Amino acid sequence: MKRTGELRDALGAPTALDKDDRTFEEQMEDIGVEVVKPKLTWYKTMTQRRGKVGLKDKISLNKSCLTIGGEVVEKIGADSLLNFGLYEKNGKKYIAMRTSKKDGLKLSKTKANSYRVGSQALAKWLLEQGMPLGKYRLQEIKGGWLAVPEGKR
């Protein structure tokens, strides 16, 4: 410690800086130096549901399949076979769904109170048709249902 003090004295370094209780930013501001802090933004995943279990009354399109909430499955029927299409009206696109007795895709239960339907081929086809990844709300129409994208379009 004594040698550090001697070195400081020899170099003519002020000792007042050692006892300065101001923050680094305050010290730099006093001498006219701008301190630029990096901006940090965190990515929020689509699967983050903030305490809710499952999708409940929603449908989710991801890159591998469609995930359907338990409340939607109650309306559709867990043993139903589903056909999917694309419905366009007034420049907006929707996923059309209907039940079928002889052909269609079968629902499979997941760990949560949700079901999955389809495959990567269905998800890829929907994405190629311009449907965005994310959550959809179910709207009943004559002969089936529409999956309406949530949020701004």
N, C-alpha and C. Protein backbone atom coordinates (compact mmCIF):
# COMPACT_ATOMS: atom_id res chain seq x y z
N MET A 1 0.83 -1.19 0.00
CA MET A 1 0.00 0.00 0.00
C MET A 1 0.87 1.25 0.00
N LYS A 2 1.97 1.19 0.76
CA LYS A 2 2.85 2.34 0.83
C LYS A 2 3.50 2.60 -0.52
N ARG A 3 3.89 1.53 -1.22
CA ARG A 3 4.54 1.69 -2.52
C ARG A 3 3.56 2.28 -3.54
N THR A 4 2.26 1.92 -3.47
CA THR A 4 1.27 2.48 -4.38
C THR A 4 1.15 3.98 -4.17
N GLY A 5 1.16 4.39 -2.91
CA GLY A 5 1.10 5.81 -2.59
C GLY A 5 2.32 6.55 -3.10
N GLU A 6 3.48 5.93 -2.96
CA GLU A 6 4.71 6.55 -3.45
C GLU A 6 4.68 6.69 -4.97
N LEU A 7 4.18 5.66 -5.63
CA LEU A 7 4.08 5.70 -7.10
C LEU A 7 3.12 6.80 -7.53
N ARG A 8 2.00 6.93 -6.84
CA ARG A 8 1.03 7.97 -7.15
C ARG A 8 1.65 9.36 -6.98
N ASP A 9 2.38 9.52 -5.89
CA ASP A 9 3.04 10.80 -5.63
C ASP A 9 4.08 11.11 -6.69
N ALA A 10 4.80 10.07 -7.11
CA ALA A 10 5.85 10.26 -8.11
C ALA A 10 5.26 10.64 -9.46
N LEU A 11 4.11 10.07 -9.79
CA LEU A 11 3.45 10.38 -11.07
C LEU A 11 2.63 11.65 -10.99
N GLY A 12 2.41 12.13 -9.82
CA GLY A 12 1.62 13.35 -9.64
C GLY A 12 0.12 13.09 -9.74
N ALA A 13 -0.30 11.82 -9.49
CA ALA A 13 -1.72 11.48 -9.57
C ALA A 13 -2.45 12.03 -8.36
N PRO A 14 -3.59 12.64 -8.57
CA PRO A 14 -4.35 13.17 -7.44
C PRO A 14 -4.94 12.04 -6.60
N THR A 15 -4.92 12.19 -5.33
CA THR A 15 -5.45 11.17 -4.43
C THR A 15 -6.94 11.38 -4.18
N ALA A 16 -7.48 12.50 -4.56
CA ALA A 16 -8.90 12.78 -4.34
C ALA A 16 -9.78 11.84 -5.16
N LEU A 17 -9.27 11.37 -6.31
CA LEU A 17 -10.07 10.47 -7.14
C LEU A 17 -10.33 9.14 -6.44
N ASP A 18 -9.42 8.72 -5.60
CA ASP A 18 -9.59 7.47 -4.88
C ASP A 18 -10.77 7.53 -3.92
N LYS A 19 -11.08 8.70 -3.43
CA LYS A 19 -12.13 8.86 -2.42
C LYS A 19 -13.43 9.38 -3.02
N ASP A 20 -13.51 9.44 -4.34
CA ASP A 20 -14.71 9.96 -5.01
C ASP A 20 -15.82 8.91 -4.93
N ASP A 21 -16.97 9.28 -4.36
CA ASP A 21 -18.07 8.33 -4.22
C ASP A 21 -19.12 8.48 -5.33
N ARG A 22 -18.83 9.27 -6.33
CA ARG A 22 -19.75 9.42 -7.47
C ARG A 22 -19.65 8.19 -8.37
N THR A 23 -20.73 7.94 -9.14
CA THR A 23 -20.71 6.82 -10.08
C THR A 23 -19.82 7.15 -11.27
N PHE A 24 -19.49 6.13 -12.01
CA PHE A 24 -18.66 6.31 -13.20
C PHE A 24 -19.32 7.28 -14.17
N GLU A 25 -20.64 7.12 -14.38
CA GLU A 25 -21.38 8.00 -15.30
C GLU A 25 -21.32 9.46 -14.85
N GLU A 26 -21.45 9.68 -13.53
CA GLU A 26 -21.39 11.05 -13.01
C GLU A 26 -20.01 11.66 -13.22
N GLN A 27 -18.97 10.89 -12.99
CA GLN A 27 -17.61 11.39 -13.18
C GLN A 27 -17.36 11.73 -14.64
N MET A 28 -17.82 10.87 -15.56
CA MET A 28 -17.61 11.12 -16.99
C MET A 28 -18.40 12.33 -17.46
N GLU A 29 -19.60 12.51 -16.91
CA GLU A 29 -20.43 13.66 -17.27
C GLU A 29 -19.74 14.97 -16.85
N ASP A 30 -19.09 14.96 -15.68
CA ASP A 30 -18.40 16.15 -15.18
C ASP A 30 -17.26 16.59 -16.09
N ILE A 31 -16.61 15.63 -16.74
CA ILE A 31 -15.49 16.01 -17.62
C ILE A 31 -15.90 16.06 -19.09
N GLY A 32 -17.22 15.94 -19.35
CA GLY A 32 -17.73 16.13 -20.70
C GLY A 32 -17.64 14.91 -21.61
N VAL A 33 -17.56 13.70 -21.04
CA VAL A 33 -17.49 12.48 -21.83
C VAL A 33 -18.86 11.81 -21.82
N GLU A 34 -19.40 11.53 -23.01
CA GLU A 34 -20.70 10.88 -23.12
C GLU A 34 -20.52 9.38 -22.94
N VAL A 35 -21.29 8.79 -22.04
CA VAL A 35 -21.25 7.35 -21.79
C VAL A 35 -22.44 6.75 -22.52
N VAL A 36 -22.17 5.83 -23.45
CA VAL A 36 -23.23 5.19 -24.22
C VAL A 36 -23.39 3.77 -23.70
N LYS A 37 -24.57 3.47 -23.19
CA LYS A 37 -24.85 2.14 -22.67
C LYS A 37 -25.45 1.30 -23.79
N PRO A 38 -25.06 0.02 -23.89
CA PRO A 38 -25.65 -0.84 -24.91
C PRO A 38 -27.11 -1.13 -24.57
N LYS A 39 -27.94 -1.28 -25.60
CA LYS A 39 -29.35 -1.58 -25.40
C LYS A 39 -29.52 -3.09 -25.46
N LEU A 40 -30.24 -3.63 -24.50
CA LEU A 40 -30.47 -5.06 -24.42
C LEU A 40 -31.96 -5.32 -24.49
N THR A 41 -32.39 -6.11 -25.47
CA THR A 41 -33.80 -6.46 -25.63
C THR A 41 -33.89 -7.98 -25.64
N TRP A 42 -34.78 -8.53 -24.84
CA TRP A 42 -34.94 -9.97 -24.76
C TRP A 42 -35.99 -10.47 -25.74
N TYR A 43 -35.76 -11.62 -26.32
CA TYR A 43 -36.70 -12.28 -27.22
C TYR A 43 -37.77 -12.98 -26.40
N LYS A 44 -39.01 -12.82 -26.77
CA LYS A 44 -40.10 -13.49 -26.09
C LYS A 44 -40.61 -14.60 -27.01
N THR A 45 -40.60 -15.81 -26.52
CA THR A 45 -41.00 -16.94 -27.35
C THR A 45 -42.51 -16.98 -27.50
N MET A 46 -42.95 -17.61 -28.56
CA MET A 46 -44.38 -17.74 -28.80
C MET A 46 -45.04 -18.65 -27.77
N THR A 47 -44.27 -19.60 -27.23
CA THR A 47 -44.85 -20.57 -26.33
C THR A 47 -45.04 -20.04 -24.91
N GLN A 48 -44.57 -18.84 -24.63
CA GLN A 48 -44.70 -18.27 -23.30
C GLN A 48 -46.17 -17.91 -23.07
N ARG A 49 -46.78 -18.52 -22.04
CA ARG A 49 -48.21 -18.32 -21.84
C ARG A 49 -48.53 -17.63 -20.53
N ARG A 50 -47.52 -17.15 -19.82
CA ARG A 50 -47.67 -16.36 -18.60
C ARG A 50 -48.65 -16.97 -17.59
N GLY A 51 -48.39 -18.19 -17.20
CA GLY A 51 -49.17 -18.81 -16.13
C GLY A 51 -50.36 -19.61 -16.60
N LYS A 52 -50.82 -19.44 -17.80
CA LYS A 52 -51.95 -20.20 -18.29
C LYS A 52 -51.48 -21.59 -18.70
N VAL A 53 -52.31 -22.58 -18.46
CA VAL A 53 -51.97 -23.93 -18.87
C VAL A 53 -52.72 -24.24 -20.15
N GLY A 54 -51.99 -24.54 -21.20
CA GLY A 54 -52.61 -24.87 -22.47
C GLY A 54 -53.13 -23.65 -23.20
N LEU A 55 -53.68 -23.89 -24.36
CA LEU A 55 -54.19 -22.80 -25.19
C LEU A 55 -55.64 -22.44 -24.88
N LYS A 56 -56.33 -23.30 -24.15
CA LYS A 56 -57.73 -23.11 -23.78
C LYS A 56 -58.60 -22.92 -25.02
N ASP A 57 -59.02 -21.68 -25.33
CA ASP A 57 -59.95 -21.44 -26.44
C ASP A 57 -59.24 -20.94 -27.70
N LYS A 58 -57.97 -21.25 -27.85
CA LYS A 58 -57.17 -20.75 -28.98
C LYS A 58 -56.61 -21.90 -29.80
N ILE A 59 -56.13 -21.53 -30.97
CA ILE A 59 -55.42 -22.43 -31.87
C ILE A 59 -54.08 -21.76 -32.15
N SER A 60 -53.02 -22.55 -32.25
CA SER A 60 -51.70 -21.99 -32.50
C SER A 60 -51.09 -22.67 -33.72
N LEU A 61 -50.61 -21.85 -34.65
CA LEU A 61 -49.90 -22.37 -35.82
C LEU A 61 -48.41 -22.18 -35.58
N ASN A 62 -47.66 -23.30 -35.62
CA ASN A 62 -46.22 -23.22 -35.55
C ASN A 62 -45.64 -23.94 -36.77
N LYS A 63 -44.35 -24.08 -36.83
CA LYS A 63 -43.72 -24.65 -38.03
C LYS A 63 -43.93 -26.15 -38.17
N SER A 64 -44.38 -26.82 -37.12
CA SER A 64 -44.53 -28.27 -37.20
C SER A 64 -45.96 -28.77 -37.25
N CYS A 65 -46.93 -27.99 -36.77
CA CYS A 65 -48.32 -28.46 -36.76
C CYS A 65 -49.25 -27.35 -36.27
N LEU A 66 -50.51 -27.69 -36.11
CA LEU A 66 -51.49 -26.82 -35.45
C LEU A 66 -51.73 -27.40 -34.06
N THR A 67 -51.69 -26.55 -33.05
CA THR A 67 -52.01 -26.96 -31.69
C THR A 67 -53.35 -26.34 -31.34
N ILE A 68 -54.24 -27.17 -30.80
CA ILE A 68 -55.61 -26.73 -30.54
C ILE A 68 -55.90 -26.86 -29.06
N GLY A 69 -56.42 -25.78 -28.46
CA GLY A 69 -56.73 -25.76 -27.03
C GLY A 69 -57.88 -26.67 -26.66
N GLY A 70 -57.91 -27.06 -25.39
CA GLY A 70 -58.93 -27.99 -24.89
C GLY A 70 -60.36 -27.51 -25.09
N GLU A 71 -60.62 -26.23 -24.90
CA GLU A 71 -61.98 -25.70 -25.07
C GLU A 71 -62.42 -25.77 -26.53
N VAL A 72 -61.49 -25.58 -27.45
CA VAL A 72 -61.80 -25.70 -28.89
C VAL A 72 -62.13 -27.15 -29.21
N VAL A 73 -61.37 -28.08 -28.64
CA VAL A 73 -61.59 -29.51 -28.90
C VAL A 73 -62.95 -29.93 -28.37
N GLU A 74 -63.40 -29.36 -27.25
CA GLU A 74 -64.74 -29.67 -26.74
C GLU A 74 -65.81 -29.30 -27.76
N LYS A 75 -65.63 -28.18 -28.46
CA LYS A 75 -66.60 -27.75 -29.48
C LYS A 75 -66.54 -28.65 -30.71
N ILE A 76 -65.32 -29.00 -31.12
CA ILE A 76 -65.12 -29.77 -32.34
C ILE A 76 -65.38 -31.25 -32.13
N GLY A 77 -64.92 -31.77 -30.99
CA GLY A 77 -65.01 -33.19 -30.70
C GLY A 77 -63.63 -33.83 -30.81
N ALA A 78 -63.20 -34.50 -29.77
CA ALA A 78 -61.85 -35.06 -29.72
C ALA A 78 -61.64 -36.20 -30.71
N ASP A 79 -62.71 -36.89 -31.10
CA ASP A 79 -62.59 -38.02 -32.03
C ASP A 79 -62.82 -37.60 -33.48
N SER A 80 -62.98 -36.32 -33.73
CA SER A 80 -63.28 -35.84 -35.08
C SER A 80 -62.08 -35.93 -36.01
N LEU A 81 -62.37 -36.14 -37.28
CA LEU A 81 -61.37 -36.00 -38.34
C LEU A 81 -61.58 -34.60 -38.91
N LEU A 82 -60.50 -33.87 -39.15
CA LEU A 82 -60.62 -32.49 -39.59
C LEU A 82 -60.04 -32.28 -40.98
N ASN A 83 -60.76 -31.51 -41.78
CA ASN A 83 -60.27 -31.02 -43.07
C ASN A 83 -59.92 -29.56 -42.90
N PHE A 84 -58.85 -29.12 -43.56
CA PHE A 84 -58.40 -27.73 -43.46
C PHE A 84 -58.37 -27.09 -44.83
N GLY A 85 -58.67 -25.81 -44.85
CA GLY A 85 -58.64 -25.04 -46.08
C GLY A 85 -58.25 -23.61 -45.79
N LEU A 86 -58.27 -22.82 -46.83
CA LEU A 86 -57.94 -21.41 -46.71
C LEU A 86 -59.14 -20.61 -47.19
N TYR A 87 -59.61 -19.68 -46.38
CA TYR A 87 -60.76 -18.84 -46.70
C TYR A 87 -60.26 -17.41 -46.83
N GLU A 88 -60.60 -16.75 -47.93
CA GLU A 88 -60.19 -15.37 -48.15
C GLU A 88 -61.42 -14.50 -48.32
N LYS A 89 -61.42 -13.36 -47.62
CA LYS A 89 -62.53 -12.41 -47.74
C LYS A 89 -61.99 -11.02 -47.44
N ASN A 90 -62.29 -10.07 -48.30
CA ASN A 90 -61.87 -8.68 -48.16
C ASN A 90 -60.37 -8.54 -47.95
N GLY A 91 -59.62 -9.34 -48.66
CA GLY A 91 -58.16 -9.26 -48.58
C GLY A 91 -57.54 -9.89 -47.35
N LYS A 92 -58.34 -10.51 -46.50
CA LYS A 92 -57.83 -11.17 -45.30
C LYS A 92 -57.97 -12.68 -45.47
N LYS A 93 -57.02 -13.41 -44.86
CA LYS A 93 -57.01 -14.86 -44.96
C LYS A 93 -57.29 -15.49 -43.61
N TYR A 94 -58.01 -16.60 -43.64
CA TYR A 94 -58.37 -17.34 -42.44
C TYR A 94 -58.17 -18.82 -42.70
N ILE A 95 -57.93 -19.59 -41.65
CA ILE A 95 -57.86 -21.04 -41.77
C ILE A 95 -59.27 -21.57 -41.60
N ALA A 96 -59.76 -22.32 -42.60
CA ALA A 96 -61.09 -22.93 -42.54
C ALA A 96 -60.93 -24.37 -42.05
N MET A 97 -61.88 -24.79 -41.19
CA MET A 97 -61.85 -26.15 -40.66
C MET A 97 -63.26 -26.71 -40.70
N ARG A 98 -63.33 -28.02 -40.97
CA ARG A 98 -64.62 -28.72 -40.89
C ARG A 98 -64.36 -30.16 -40.47
N THR A 99 -65.37 -30.76 -39.87
CA THR A 99 -65.23 -32.16 -39.47
C THR A 99 -65.66 -33.04 -40.63
N SER A 100 -65.13 -34.25 -40.63
CA SER A 100 -65.44 -35.21 -41.67
C SER A 100 -65.61 -36.57 -41.02
N LYS A 101 -66.46 -37.40 -41.60
CA LYS A 101 -66.67 -38.74 -41.06
C LYS A 101 -65.74 -39.77 -41.70
N LYS A 102 -65.23 -39.48 -42.92
CA LYS A 102 -64.43 -40.50 -43.58
C LYS A 102 -62.97 -40.13 -43.85
N ASP A 103 -62.65 -38.87 -44.04
CA ASP A 103 -61.26 -38.51 -44.29
C ASP A 103 -60.91 -37.24 -43.53
N GLY A 104 -59.65 -37.02 -43.34
CA GLY A 104 -59.20 -35.84 -42.61
C GLY A 104 -58.09 -36.19 -41.65
N LEU A 105 -57.65 -35.22 -40.92
CA LEU A 105 -56.55 -35.40 -39.96
C LEU A 105 -57.11 -35.62 -38.56
N LYS A 106 -56.48 -36.53 -37.85
CA LYS A 106 -56.92 -36.90 -36.51
C LYS A 106 -56.20 -36.05 -35.46
N LEU A 107 -56.91 -35.73 -34.39
CA LEU A 107 -56.34 -35.00 -33.26
C LEU A 107 -55.55 -35.96 -32.38
N SER A 108 -54.44 -35.48 -31.85
CA SER A 108 -53.69 -36.27 -30.87
C SER A 108 -53.44 -35.41 -29.64
N LYS A 109 -53.62 -36.01 -28.46
CA LYS A 109 -53.50 -35.28 -27.19
C LYS A 109 -52.03 -35.02 -26.86
N THR A 110 -51.76 -33.82 -26.32
CA THR A 110 -50.41 -33.47 -25.86
C THR A 110 -50.38 -33.54 -24.34
N LYS A 111 -49.25 -33.18 -23.75
CA LYS A 111 -49.11 -33.22 -22.29
C LYS A 111 -50.05 -32.24 -21.60
N ALA A 112 -50.13 -31.03 -22.12
CA ALA A 112 -51.00 -30.01 -21.52
C ALA A 112 -52.45 -30.30 -21.94
N ASN A 113 -53.34 -29.41 -21.61
CA ASN A 113 -54.73 -29.55 -22.01
C ASN A 113 -54.91 -29.04 -23.44
N SER A 114 -54.12 -29.59 -24.34
CA SER A 114 -54.16 -29.19 -25.74
C SER A 114 -54.04 -30.43 -26.61
N TYR A 115 -54.36 -30.24 -27.87
CA TYR A 115 -54.27 -31.31 -28.85
C TYR A 115 -53.47 -30.79 -30.04
N ARG A 116 -52.88 -31.72 -30.77
CA ARG A 116 -52.17 -31.37 -32.00
C ARG A 116 -52.87 -32.04 -33.16
N VAL A 117 -52.78 -31.37 -34.29
CA VAL A 117 -53.35 -31.96 -35.50
C VAL A 117 -52.44 -31.61 -36.66
N GLY A 118 -52.33 -32.53 -37.57
CA GLY A 118 -51.57 -32.25 -38.77
C GLY A 118 -50.12 -32.61 -38.65
N SER A 119 -49.39 -32.13 -39.59
CA SER A 119 -47.98 -32.47 -39.70
C SER A 119 -47.23 -31.24 -40.17
N GLN A 120 -45.94 -31.42 -40.39
CA GLN A 120 -45.16 -30.31 -40.92
C GLN A 120 -45.66 -29.93 -42.31
N ALA A 121 -46.17 -30.89 -43.06
CA ALA A 121 -46.67 -30.60 -44.41
C ALA A 121 -47.86 -29.64 -44.34
N LEU A 122 -48.79 -29.86 -43.41
CA LEU A 122 -49.94 -28.95 -43.24
C LEU A 122 -49.46 -27.57 -42.81
N ALA A 123 -48.58 -27.53 -41.81
CA ALA A 123 -48.07 -26.24 -41.33
C ALA A 123 -47.34 -25.50 -42.45
N LYS A 124 -46.54 -26.21 -43.20
CA LYS A 124 -45.80 -25.59 -44.30
C LYS A 124 -46.77 -25.06 -45.35
N TRP A 125 -47.81 -25.81 -45.67
CA TRP A 125 -48.80 -25.38 -46.67
C TRP A 125 -49.51 -24.11 -46.20
N LEU A 126 -49.91 -24.07 -44.92
CA LEU A 126 -50.58 -22.88 -44.39
C LEU A 126 -49.66 -21.67 -44.42
N LEU A 127 -48.40 -21.86 -44.07
CA LEU A 127 -47.43 -20.76 -44.10
C LEU A 127 -47.20 -20.27 -45.53
N GLU A 128 -47.13 -21.19 -46.48
CA GLU A 128 -46.95 -20.82 -47.89
C GLU A 128 -48.16 -20.05 -48.42
N GLN A 129 -49.33 -20.31 -47.85
CA GLN A 129 -50.55 -19.60 -48.26
C GLN A 129 -50.65 -18.22 -47.63
N GLY A 130 -49.69 -17.88 -46.78
CA GLY A 130 -49.66 -16.54 -46.18
C GLY A 130 -50.20 -16.45 -44.78
N MET A 131 -50.47 -17.57 -44.14
CA MET A 131 -50.96 -17.54 -42.76
C MET A 131 -49.78 -17.32 -41.82
N PRO A 132 -49.91 -16.37 -40.88
CA PRO A 132 -48.79 -16.08 -39.96
C PRO A 132 -48.70 -17.10 -38.83
N LEU A 133 -47.49 -17.30 -38.33
CA LEU A 133 -47.30 -18.09 -37.13
C LEU A 133 -47.97 -17.37 -35.97
N GLY A 134 -48.47 -18.09 -35.01
CA GLY A 134 -49.05 -17.45 -33.83
C GLY A 134 -50.39 -18.03 -33.44
N LYS A 135 -51.09 -17.30 -32.59
CA LYS A 135 -52.36 -17.76 -32.05
C LYS A 135 -53.53 -17.28 -32.91
N TYR A 136 -54.57 -18.10 -32.90
CA TYR A 136 -55.81 -17.83 -33.62
C TYR A 136 -56.98 -18.07 -32.68
N ARG A 137 -58.06 -17.33 -32.90
CA ARG A 137 -59.27 -17.59 -32.13
C ARG A 137 -60.27 -18.29 -33.05
N LEU A 138 -61.09 -19.12 -32.48
CA LEU A 138 -62.06 -19.92 -33.25
C LEU A 138 -63.35 -19.14 -33.42
N GLN A 139 -63.86 -19.14 -34.63
CA GLN A 139 -65.14 -18.49 -34.93
C GLN A 139 -65.99 -19.51 -35.68
N GLU A 140 -67.17 -19.78 -35.15
CA GLU A 140 -68.04 -20.77 -35.78
C GLU A 140 -68.75 -20.14 -36.98
N ILE A 141 -68.79 -20.90 -38.07
CA ILE A 141 -69.50 -20.48 -39.29
C ILE A 141 -70.34 -21.65 -39.76
N LYS A 142 -71.18 -21.42 -40.75
CA LYS A 142 -72.03 -22.48 -41.29
C LYS A 142 -71.15 -23.57 -41.90
N GLY A 143 -71.28 -24.78 -41.38
CA GLY A 143 -70.54 -25.91 -41.93
C GLY A 143 -69.16 -26.11 -41.34
N GLY A 144 -68.75 -25.31 -40.35
CA GLY A 144 -67.42 -25.50 -39.78
C GLY A 144 -66.98 -24.34 -38.92
N TRP A 145 -65.69 -24.04 -38.99
CA TRP A 145 -65.10 -22.99 -38.17
C TRP A 145 -64.04 -22.24 -38.96
N LEU A 146 -63.80 -21.01 -38.52
CA LEU A 146 -62.68 -20.23 -39.04
C LEU A 146 -61.72 -19.98 -37.89
N ALA A 147 -60.44 -20.10 -38.20
CA ALA A 147 -59.40 -19.73 -37.24
C ALA A 147 -58.94 -18.33 -37.65
N VAL A 148 -59.26 -17.34 -36.82
CA VAL A 148 -58.99 -15.94 -37.11
C VAL A 148 -57.71 -15.52 -36.39
N PRO A 149 -56.72 -15.01 -37.12
CA PRO A 149 -55.46 -14.60 -36.46
C PRO A 149 -55.72 -13.53 -35.41
N GLU A 150 -55.04 -13.67 -34.27
CA GLU A 150 -55.12 -12.63 -33.24
C GLU A 150 -54.08 -11.57 -33.50
N GLY A 151 -54.33 -10.40 -33.02
CA GLY A 151 -53.35 -9.32 -33.18
C GLY A 151 -53.53 -8.59 -34.50
N LYS A 152 -52.59 -7.67 -34.77
CA LYS A 152 -52.66 -6.85 -35.97
C LYS A 152 -52.28 -7.67 -37.19
N ARG A 153 -52.96 -7.41 -38.28
CA ARG A 153 -52.68 -8.07 -39.56
C ARG A 153 -52.55 -7.02 -40.62
